[in-house]
Structure formats: structure tokens, C-alpha cells
C-alpha atoms as a PDB file:
ATOM      1  CA  UNK A   1       0.257 219.056  20.692  1.00  0.00           C
ATOM      2  CA  UNK A   2      -1.294 221.417  18.128  1.00  0.00           C
ATOM      3  CA  UNK A   3      -2.506 223.781  20.844  1.00  0.00           C
ATOM      4  CA  UNK A   4       1.039 224.083  22.262  1.00  0.00           C
ATOM      5  CA  UNK A   5       2.124 225.362  18.872  1.00  0.00           C
ATOM      6  CA  UNK A   6      -0.570 228.046  18.987  1.00  0.00           C
ATOM      7  CA  UNK A   7       0.673 229.481  22.298  1.00  0.00           C
ATOM      8  CA  UNK A   8       2.550 232.722  21.739  1.00  0.00           C
ATOM      9  CA  UNK A   9       4.634 234.530  24.347  1.00  0.00           C
ATOM     10  CA  UNK A  10       5.228 238.290  24.408  1.00  0.00           C
ATOM     11  CA  UNK A  11       6.032 241.126  26.792  1.00  0.00           C
ATOM     12  CA  UNK A  12       3.169 242.517  28.846  1.00  0.00           C
ATOM     13  CA  UNK A  13       1.309 245.580  27.529  1.00  0.00           C
ATOM     14  CA  UNK A  14      -0.847 248.194  29.241  1.00  0.00           C
ATOM     15  CA  UNK A  15      -3.846 246.723  27.390  1.00  0.00           C
ATOM     16  CA  UNK A  16      -3.348 243.482  29.394  1.00  0.00           C
ATOM     17  CA  UNK A  17      -3.935 245.138  32.778  1.00  0.00           C
ATOM     18  CA  UNK A  18      -7.679 244.439  33.052  1.00  0.00           C
ATOM     19  CA  UNK A  19      -7.145 240.686  32.529  1.00  0.00           C
ATOM     20  CA  UNK A  20      -4.180 240.562  34.932  1.00  0.00           C
ATOM     21  CA  UNK A  21      -6.146 242.386  37.640  1.00  0.00           C
ATOM     22  CA  UNK A  22      -9.127 240.054  37.092  1.00  0.00           C
ATOM     23  CA  UNK A  23      -6.857 237.023  37.538  1.00  0.00           C
ATOM     24  CA  UNK A  24      -5.387 238.592  40.665  1.00  0.00           C
ATOM     25  CA  UNK A  25      -8.827 239.217  42.150  1.00  0.00           C
ATOM     26  CA  UNK A  26     -10.021 235.671  41.434  1.00  0.00           C
ATOM     27  CA  UNK A  27      -6.887 233.634  42.144  1.00  0.00           C
ATOM     28  CA  UNK A  28      -5.673 233.186  45.741  1.00  0.00           C
ATOM     29  CA  UNK A  29      -2.449 231.568  44.488  1.00  0.00           C
ATOM     30  CA  UNK A  30      -1.365 235.081  43.391  1.00  0.00           C
ATOM     31  CA  UNK A  31      -2.174 236.759  46.706  1.00  0.00           C
ATOM     32  CA  UNK A  32       0.333 237.744  49.370  1.00  0.00           C
ATOM     33  CA  UNK A  33      -2.474 237.173  51.881  1.00  0.00           C
ATOM     34  CA  UNK A  34      -6.266 237.207  52.169  1.00  0.00           C
ATOM     35  CA  UNK A  35      -6.059 240.861  53.203  1.00  0.00           C
ATOM     36  CA  UNK A  36      -3.637 242.387  50.704  1.00  0.00           C
ATOM     37  CA  UNK A  37      -4.457 240.108  47.746  1.00  0.00           C
ATOM     38  CA  UNK A  38      -2.819 241.237  44.455  1.00  0.00           C
ATOM     39  CA  UNK A  39      -2.159 244.460  42.560  1.00  0.00           C
ATOM     40  CA  UNK A  40      -4.903 246.991  41.920  1.00  0.00           C
ATOM     41  CA  UNK A  41      -5.320 248.258  38.341  1.00  0.00           C
ATOM     42  CA  UNK A  42      -3.739 251.562  39.356  1.00  0.00           C
ATOM     43  CA  UNK A  43      -0.829 249.875  41.131  1.00  0.00           C
ATOM     44  CA  UNK A  44      -0.156 247.472  38.267  1.00  0.00           C
ATOM     45  CA  UNK A  45      -0.273 250.268  35.676  1.00  0.00           C
ATOM     46  CA  UNK A  46       2.222 252.323  37.702  1.00  0.00           C
ATOM     47  CA  UNK A  47       4.458 249.283  38.167  1.00  0.00           C
ATOM     48  CA  UNK A  48       4.506 248.471  34.448  1.00  0.00           C
ATOM     49  CA  UNK A  49       5.743 252.004  33.715  1.00  0.00           C
ATOM     50  CA  UNK A  50       8.935 251.338  35.704  1.00  0.00           C
ATOM     51  CA  UNK A  51       9.720 247.683  34.951  1.00  0.00           C
ATOM     52  CA  UNK A  52      13.393 248.527  34.299  1.00  0.00           C
ATOM     53  CA  UNK A  53      15.227 245.183  34.306  1.00  0.00           C
ATOM     54  CA  UNK A  54      12.271 243.063  35.389  1.00  0.00           C
ATOM     55  CA  UNK A  55      10.820 240.566  32.951  1.00  0.00           C
ATOM     56  CA  UNK A  56       7.026 240.332  32.588  1.00  0.00           C
ATOM     57  CA  UNK A  57       5.726 237.971  29.909  1.00  0.00           C
ATOM     58  CA  UNK A  58       2.219 236.918  28.922  1.00  0.00           C
ATOM     59  CA  UNK A  59       0.946 233.919  26.968  1.00  0.00           C
ATOM     60  CA  UNK A  60      -1.772 234.081  24.358  1.00  0.00           C
ATOM     61  CA  UNK A  61      -3.713 231.531  22.367  1.00  0.00           C
ATOM     62  CA  UNK A  62      -5.049 233.449  19.425  1.00  0.00           C
ATOM     63  CA  UNK A  63      -6.129 236.818  20.813  1.00  0.00           C
ATOM     64  CA  UNK A  64      -6.902 235.466  24.298  1.00  0.00           C
ATOM     65  CA  UNK A  65      -4.562 236.065  27.213  1.00  0.00           C
ATOM     66  CA  UNK A  66      -4.109 232.723  28.988  1.00  0.00           C
ATOM     67  CA  UNK A  67      -1.120 233.160  31.309  1.00  0.00           C
ATOM     68  CA  UNK A  68       1.618 235.374  32.707  1.00  0.00           C
ATOM     69  CA  UNK A  69       5.067 235.118  34.211  1.00  0.00           C
ATOM     70  CA  UNK A  70       6.900 237.853  36.105  1.00  0.00           C
ATOM     71  CA  UNK A  71      10.395 238.003  37.558  1.00  0.00           C
ATOM     72  CA  UNK A  72      12.458 240.694  39.281  1.00  0.00           C
ATOM     73  CA  UNK A  73      16.078 241.008  38.221  1.00  0.00           C
ATOM     74  CA  UNK A  74      18.418 241.348  41.220  1.00  0.00           C
ATOM     75  CA  UNK A  75      21.764 241.415  39.310  1.00  0.00           C
ATOM     76  CA  UNK A  76      23.255 238.042  40.319  1.00  0.00           C
ATOM     77  CA  UNK A  77      19.952 236.325  40.878  1.00  0.00           C
ATOM     78  CA  UNK A  78      16.366 236.608  39.751  1.00  0.00           C
ATOM     79  CA  UNK A  79      13.309 236.494  42.005  1.00  0.00           C
ATOM     80  CA  UNK A  80      10.573 234.663  40.114  1.00  0.00           C
ATOM     81  CA  UNK A  81       7.505 236.469  41.430  1.00  0.00           C
ATOM     82  CA  UNK A  82       4.777 234.484  39.717  1.00  0.00           C
ATOM     83  CA  UNK A  83       3.793 232.100  36.983  1.00  0.00           C
ATOM     84  CA  UNK A  84       0.062 231.915  36.433  1.00  0.00           C
ATOM     85  CA  UNK A  85      -2.163 230.179  33.894  1.00  0.00           C
ATOM     86  CA  UNK A  86      -5.903 230.834  33.612  1.00  0.00           C
ATOM     87  CA  UNK A  87      -7.774 227.844  35.072  1.00  0.00           C
ATOM     88  CA  UNK A  88      -9.438 227.030  31.747  1.00  0.00           C
ATOM     89  CA  UNK A  89      -6.051 226.662  30.038  1.00  0.00           C
ATOM     90  CA  UNK A  90      -4.045 224.639  32.546  1.00  0.00           C
ATOM     91  CA  UNK A  91      -2.345 221.372  31.565  1.00  0.00           C
ATOM     92  CA  UNK A  92      -2.052 222.497  27.947  1.00  0.00           C
ATOM     93  CA  UNK A  93       1.637 223.451  27.914  1.00  0.00           C
ATOM     94  CA  UNK A  94       1.157 227.156  28.688  1.00  0.00           C
ATOM     95  CA  UNK A  95       3.156 227.143  31.944  1.00  0.00           C
ATOM     96  CA  UNK A  96       6.007 225.188  30.400  1.00  0.00           C
ATOM     97  CA  UNK A  97       6.198 227.518  27.399  1.00  0.00           C
ATOM     98  CA  UNK A  98       6.138 230.604  29.662  1.00  0.00           C
ATOM     99  CA  UNK A  99       8.804 228.999  31.840  1.00  0.00           C
ATOM    100  CA  UNK A 100      11.109 228.255  28.904  1.00  0.00           C
ATOM    101  CA  UNK A 101      10.729 231.762  27.460  1.00  0.00           C
ATOM    102  CA  UNK A 102      11.441 233.292  30.866  1.00  0.00           C
ATOM    103  CA  UNK A 103      14.590 231.187  31.260  1.00  0.00           C
ATOM    104  CA  UNK A 104      15.678 232.213  27.757  1.00  0.00           C
ATOM    105  CA  UNK A 105      15.196 235.900  28.697  1.00  0.00           C
ATOM    106  CA  UNK A 106      17.091 235.324  31.977  1.00  0.00           C
ATOM    107  CA  UNK A 107      20.085 233.872  30.170  1.00  0.00           C
ATOM    108  CA  UNK A 108      20.486 237.200  28.334  1.00  0.00           C
ATOM    109  CA  UNK A 109      21.058 239.012  31.652  1.00  0.00           C
ATOM    110  CA  UNK A 110      24.773 239.380  32.358  1.00  0.00           C
ATOM    111  CA  UNK A 111      26.039 237.928  35.624  1.00  0.00           C
ATOM    112  CA  UNK A 112      22.798 236.129  36.500  1.00  0.00           C
ATOM    113  CA  UNK A 113      23.648 232.959  38.437  1.00  0.00           C
ATOM    114  CA  UNK A 114      20.360 231.604  39.751  1.00  0.00           C
ATOM    115  CA  UNK A 115      16.617 231.949  40.000  1.00  0.00           C
ATOM    116  CA  UNK A 116      14.726 231.872  43.302  1.00  0.00           C
ATOM    117  CA  UNK A 117      11.001 231.678  43.935  1.00  0.00           C
ATOM    118  CA  UNK A 118       8.426 231.068  46.638  1.00  0.00           C
ATOM    119  CA  UNK A 119       5.523 228.644  46.423  1.00  0.00           C
ATOM    120  CA  UNK A 120       2.633 228.471  48.860  1.00  0.00           C
ATOM    121  CA  UNK A 121       2.983 225.385  51.052  1.00  0.00           C
ATOM    122  CA  UNK A 122      -0.405 224.058  49.928  1.00  0.00           C
ATOM    123  CA  UNK A 123       0.140 224.566  46.187  1.00  0.00           C
ATOM    124  CA  UNK A 124       1.220 221.003  45.391  1.00  0.00           C
ATOM    125  CA  UNK A 125       0.607 221.420  41.662  1.00  0.00           C
ATOM    126  CA  UNK A 126       3.051 224.355  41.470  1.00  0.00           C
ATOM    127  CA  UNK A 127       5.647 222.580  43.621  1.00  0.00           C
ATOM    128  CA  UNK A 128       5.470 219.545  41.349  1.00  0.00           C
ATOM    129  CA  UNK A 129       5.821 221.744  38.241  1.00  0.00           C
ATOM    130  CA  UNK A 130       8.857 223.644  39.553  1.00  0.00           C
ATOM    131  CA  UNK A 131      10.600 220.419  40.593  1.00  0.00           C
ATOM    132  CA  UNK A 132       9.964 219.053  37.089  1.00  0.00           C
ATOM    133  CA  UNK A 133      11.551 222.253  35.705  1.00  0.00           C
ATOM    134  CA  UNK A 134      14.711 221.645  37.749  1.00  0.00           C
ATOM    135  CA  UNK A 135      14.162 223.695  40.913  1.00  0.00           C
ATOM    136  CA  UNK A 136      15.333 222.259  44.227  1.00  0.00           C
ATOM    137  CA  UNK A 137      13.989 222.892  47.706  1.00  0.00           C
ATOM    138  CA  UNK A 138      15.440 225.905  49.503  1.00  0.00           C
ATOM    139  CA  UNK A 139      14.478 227.578  52.764  1.00  0.00           C
ATOM    140  CA  UNK A 140      10.962 227.579  54.202  1.00  0.00           C
ATOM    141  CA  UNK A 141       9.474 231.024  54.891  1.00  0.00           C
ATOM    142  CA  UNK A 142       6.485 232.567  56.603  1.00  0.00           C
ATOM    143  CA  UNK A 143       4.822 235.433  54.736  1.00  0.00           C
ATOM    144  CA  UNK A 144       4.411 238.432  57.017  1.00  0.00           C
ATOM    145  CA  UNK A 145       3.001 241.852  56.222  1.00  0.00           C
ATOM    146  CA  UNK A 146       2.265 245.164  57.864  1.00  0.00           C
ATOM    147  CA  UNK A 147      -0.414 247.597  56.716  1.00  0.00           C
ATOM    148  CA  UNK A 148       0.817 251.075  55.870  1.00  0.00           C
ATOM    149  CA  UNK A 149      -2.710 252.314  55.240  1.00  0.00           C
ATOM    150  CA  UNK A 150      -5.884 251.962  57.280  1.00  0.00           C
ATOM    151  CA  UNK A 151      -8.106 249.336  55.675  1.00  0.00           C
ATOM    152  CA  UNK A 152     -11.890 249.474  55.666  1.00  0.00           C
ATOM    153  CA  UNK A 153     -13.512 246.693  57.662  1.00  0.00           C
ATOM    154  CA  UNK A 154     -15.550 244.368  55.487  1.00  0.00           C
END
């Protein structure tokens, strides 16, 4: 329980980008697909400059970044893009604390009625967590993407 008290939540900063990109490169649960993966450092930096009404929080224990949570504000509803905790810090209350702080921030948005999110079909741990946090099953989707740039063959 002591460690839960040491978890602090704050808004993302530009100085966090290297850690976020590292997590994205190493963590398939953040990827849109095996091809597109997650943000590049350049893309994430540009995105953070124009967050507008989005909410992007990070969790720290001491000086170490241990998790993140990001949601896009869509006026009447919020699209919860991701909730991620570094593998070495899972099952220590980080996700729950990030979740509660995100919900608190959401409640400050006028007119917001609900939160929606997507979970990979094979991510049973995340599905269990979101159900515990009060989410109910919605529609099932297939992720589809189209390249707008020519990719190098690996």
C-alpha cells in the first residue's frame, strides 16, 4: 500500500517523449498494427504541441515514469486512447490511480456523457481491468489501416 501512495500523476511534458516512444516501440499492446506500431518521437512531439482538449497524463514513482493514460475529448464523449503501465510496475496500483485521475479530469469537461475505448481481443488483463472499473462491453471492431506513405521493406 505504501507504494500506491508514492505514485504521482501529472500532465505529460516534452521531456517525457523519449520514455513514451520507448514504451511504444517495445509494447505491442500500444500498436495499431505490426506495421504502423506507435508514434515516432517526431510525431509525438508534434501531437503534444496541439493537445487542445485532449487529456494526457503520466504516472511517476519518484523521478521514474511508470505509466501513461491518454484520451481524446469529443465533446459529448471521450475516446480513451490508451492506458499503459511499464511492465516492471504492473499490479502495483498505477493503472487504477491513472484511471481515477483521468475520470476526475473527464468530469471537469462540460457536457461529457460517456467514455469509450477499444481493447485488443487478446488482451485479457486489460479487459478484466476495464470491467472492474465499470466499463461494459460495446461493439466489436476490426482494426483496418491504409498506408499513405511508401514503407521500406524489412
